[in-house]
Amino acid sequence: MYSGIVHCADLGHVPVVVLVLEGGHMTLNTAYQAIKTETPVLVLAGSGRAADFIASAYEKPLVKA
């Protein structure tokens, strides 16, 4: 779905980044798909909903069970 680079006939390869501002469940899916393909994801913490959810999860330390 995402490759981190989009091919445009006139421009060749164009770098891609996913920007998360607010958003809902589809935004979470879009960010997840981008991360799976190593496409950079920029999250604006404080913009609400999905962006805040991703930002808070990123800030929490990983706890090994």
N, C-alpha and C. Protein backbone atom coordinates (compact mmCIF):
# COMPACT_ATOMS: atom_id res chain seq x y z
N MET A 1 0.82 -1.18 0.00
CA MET A 1 0.00 0.00 0.00
C MET A 1 0.87 1.26 0.00
N TYR A 2 1.80 1.37 0.96
CA TYR A 2 2.70 2.50 1.04
C TYR A 2 4.12 2.00 0.82
N SER A 3 4.91 2.79 0.15
CA SER A 3 6.29 2.38 -0.05
C SER A 3 7.29 3.43 0.42
N GLY A 4 6.81 4.56 0.88
CA GLY A 4 7.72 5.62 1.30
C GLY A 4 8.15 6.50 0.16
N ILE A 5 7.93 6.04 -1.06
CA ILE A 5 8.25 6.83 -2.25
C ILE A 5 7.13 6.64 -3.26
N VAL A 6 6.69 7.72 -3.84
CA VAL A 6 5.64 7.68 -4.86
C VAL A 6 6.27 7.98 -6.19
N HIS A 7 5.89 7.23 -7.21
CA HIS A 7 6.42 7.48 -8.55
C HIS A 7 5.47 8.41 -9.30
N CYS A 8 5.98 9.52 -9.77
CA CYS A 8 5.21 10.46 -10.59
C CYS A 8 5.85 10.50 -11.97
N ALA A 9 5.04 10.38 -13.00
CA ALA A 9 5.55 10.32 -14.37
C ALA A 9 6.45 11.51 -14.70
N ASP A 10 6.08 12.69 -14.25
CA ASP A 10 6.85 13.88 -14.59
C ASP A 10 8.04 14.13 -13.67
N LEU A 11 7.96 13.65 -12.43
CA LEU A 11 8.97 14.00 -11.43
C LEU A 11 9.88 12.85 -11.04
N GLY A 12 9.59 11.65 -11.46
CA GLY A 12 10.36 10.50 -11.01
C GLY A 12 9.86 10.06 -9.64
N HIS A 13 10.78 9.77 -8.73
CA HIS A 13 10.39 9.32 -7.39
C HIS A 13 10.32 10.51 -6.43
N VAL A 14 9.23 10.57 -5.68
CA VAL A 14 9.00 11.66 -4.74
C VAL A 14 8.93 11.07 -3.33
N PRO A 15 9.76 11.53 -2.39
CA PRO A 15 9.69 11.03 -1.02
C PRO A 15 8.33 11.33 -0.39
N VAL A 16 7.90 10.44 0.50
CA VAL A 16 6.59 10.56 1.14
C VAL A 16 6.77 10.51 2.64
N VAL A 17 5.97 11.28 3.36
CA VAL A 17 5.88 11.21 4.81
C VAL A 17 4.40 11.28 5.18
N VAL A 18 4.00 10.55 6.21
CA VAL A 18 2.62 10.59 6.69
C VAL A 18 2.57 11.58 7.84
N LEU A 19 1.66 12.53 7.78
CA LEU A 19 1.48 13.53 8.82
C LEU A 19 0.19 13.22 9.56
N VAL A 20 0.27 13.03 10.88
CA VAL A 20 -0.91 12.70 11.68
C VAL A 20 -1.28 13.92 12.53
N LEU A 21 -2.41 14.51 12.19
CA LEU A 21 -3.00 15.62 12.94
C LEU A 21 -4.41 15.20 13.31
N GLU A 22 -4.67 15.06 14.59
CA GLU A 22 -5.97 14.61 15.08
C GLU A 22 -6.28 13.23 14.48
N GLY A 23 -7.39 13.04 13.80
CA GLY A 23 -7.69 11.78 13.14
C GLY A 23 -8.48 10.80 13.98
N GLY A 24 -8.91 9.74 13.34
CA GLY A 24 -9.70 8.69 13.97
C GLY A 24 -9.12 7.32 13.69
N HIS A 25 -9.98 6.30 13.68
CA HIS A 25 -9.49 4.93 13.51
C HIS A 25 -8.83 4.69 12.15
N MET A 26 -9.28 5.37 11.12
CA MET A 26 -8.64 5.20 9.81
C MET A 26 -7.24 5.82 9.81
N THR A 27 -7.06 6.88 10.57
CA THR A 27 -5.73 7.48 10.70
C THR A 27 -4.77 6.53 11.38
N LEU A 28 -5.25 5.82 12.41
CA LEU A 28 -4.43 4.81 13.08
C LEU A 28 -4.00 3.73 12.09
N ASN A 29 -4.92 3.30 11.25
CA ASN A 29 -4.61 2.28 10.24
C ASN A 29 -3.60 2.81 9.22
N THR A 30 -3.78 4.03 8.78
CA THR A 30 -2.86 4.63 7.82
C THR A 30 -1.45 4.73 8.40
N ALA A 31 -1.35 5.18 9.65
CA ALA A 31 -0.04 5.28 10.30
C ALA A 31 0.58 3.90 10.46
N TYR A 32 -0.21 2.92 10.84
CA TYR A 32 0.29 1.55 10.99
C TYR A 32 0.83 1.00 9.67
N GLN A 33 0.07 1.17 8.59
CA GLN A 33 0.51 0.70 7.28
C GLN A 33 1.80 1.40 6.85
N ALA A 34 1.90 2.68 7.13
CA ALA A 34 3.11 3.43 6.78
C ALA A 34 4.31 2.91 7.55
N ILE A 35 4.14 2.67 8.84
CA ILE A 35 5.25 2.17 9.66
C ILE A 35 5.69 0.79 9.19
N LYS A 36 4.75 -0.05 8.80
CA LYS A 36 5.09 -1.39 8.31
C LYS A 36 5.99 -1.33 7.07
N THR A 37 5.83 -0.30 6.27
CA THR A 37 6.63 -0.17 5.04
C THR A 37 7.77 0.83 5.20
N GLU A 38 8.06 1.19 6.46
CA GLU A 38 9.15 2.10 6.78
C GLU A 38 8.99 3.50 6.19
N THR A 39 7.74 3.92 5.98
CA THR A 39 7.45 5.28 5.58
C THR A 39 7.46 6.14 6.84
N PRO A 40 8.17 7.25 6.84
CA PRO A 40 8.21 8.10 8.03
C PRO A 40 6.81 8.61 8.40
N VAL A 41 6.55 8.66 9.71
CA VAL A 41 5.27 9.16 10.23
C VAL A 41 5.59 10.29 11.21
N LEU A 42 5.03 11.46 10.97
CA LEU A 42 5.19 12.61 11.84
C LEU A 42 3.87 12.83 12.56
N VAL A 43 3.91 12.79 13.90
CA VAL A 43 2.70 12.91 14.72
C VAL A 43 2.75 14.22 15.48
N LEU A 44 1.70 15.02 15.36
CA LEU A 44 1.61 16.28 16.08
C LEU A 44 0.84 16.05 17.38
N ALA A 45 1.60 15.83 18.47
CA ALA A 45 0.99 15.63 19.78
C ALA A 45 0.23 16.89 20.18
N GLY A 46 -0.93 16.68 20.80
CA GLY A 46 -1.75 17.81 21.24
C GLY A 46 -2.80 18.23 20.22
N SER A 47 -2.79 17.59 19.04
CA SER A 47 -3.78 17.96 18.02
C SER A 47 -5.08 17.17 18.19
N GLY A 48 -5.08 16.18 19.09
CA GLY A 48 -6.32 15.46 19.41
C GLY A 48 -6.34 14.03 18.91
N ARG A 49 -7.30 13.30 19.41
CA ARG A 49 -7.67 11.94 19.06
C ARG A 49 -6.52 11.00 18.69
N ALA A 50 -6.46 10.53 17.45
CA ALA A 50 -5.47 9.52 17.05
C ALA A 50 -4.04 10.01 17.25
N ALA A 51 -3.79 11.26 16.94
CA ALA A 51 -2.44 11.80 17.10
C ALA A 51 -2.01 11.75 18.56
N ASP A 52 -2.91 12.11 19.47
CA ASP A 52 -2.59 12.08 20.89
C ASP A 52 -2.43 10.64 21.38
N PHE A 53 -3.22 9.73 20.85
CA PHE A 53 -3.11 8.32 21.22
C PHE A 53 -1.74 7.76 20.82
N ILE A 54 -1.32 8.04 19.60
CA ILE A 54 -0.02 7.57 19.12
C ILE A 54 1.10 8.22 19.93
N ALA A 55 1.00 9.52 20.16
CA ALA A 55 2.04 10.24 20.91
C ALA A 55 2.17 9.70 22.33
N SER A 56 1.05 9.44 22.99
CA SER A 56 1.11 8.95 24.37
C SER A 56 1.68 7.54 24.41
N ALA A 57 1.36 6.71 23.42
CA ALA A 57 1.91 5.35 23.38
C ALA A 57 3.41 5.40 23.11
N TYR A 58 3.84 6.32 22.29
CA TYR A 58 5.27 6.45 21.97
C TYR A 58 6.07 6.89 23.20
N GLU A 59 5.47 7.74 24.01
CA GLU A 59 6.16 8.29 25.18
C GLU A 59 6.25 7.31 26.34
N LYS A 60 5.41 6.28 26.37
CA LYS A 60 5.42 5.32 27.47
C LYS A 60 6.57 4.34 27.29
N PRO A 61 7.28 4.04 28.37
CA PRO A 61 8.37 3.05 28.26
C PRO A 61 7.81 1.65 28.04
N LEU A 62 8.56 0.86 27.30
CA LEU A 62 8.17 -0.53 27.08
C LEU A 62 8.43 -1.32 28.33
N VAL A 63 7.46 -2.13 28.73
CA VAL A 63 7.59 -2.95 29.93
C VAL A 63 7.63 -4.40 29.49
N LYS A 64 8.71 -5.09 29.83
CA LYS A 64 8.81 -6.52 29.49
C LYS A 64 8.08 -7.33 30.54
N ALA A 65 7.28 -8.28 30.07
CA ALA A 65 6.51 -9.11 30.98
C ALA A 65 7.33 -10.25 31.50
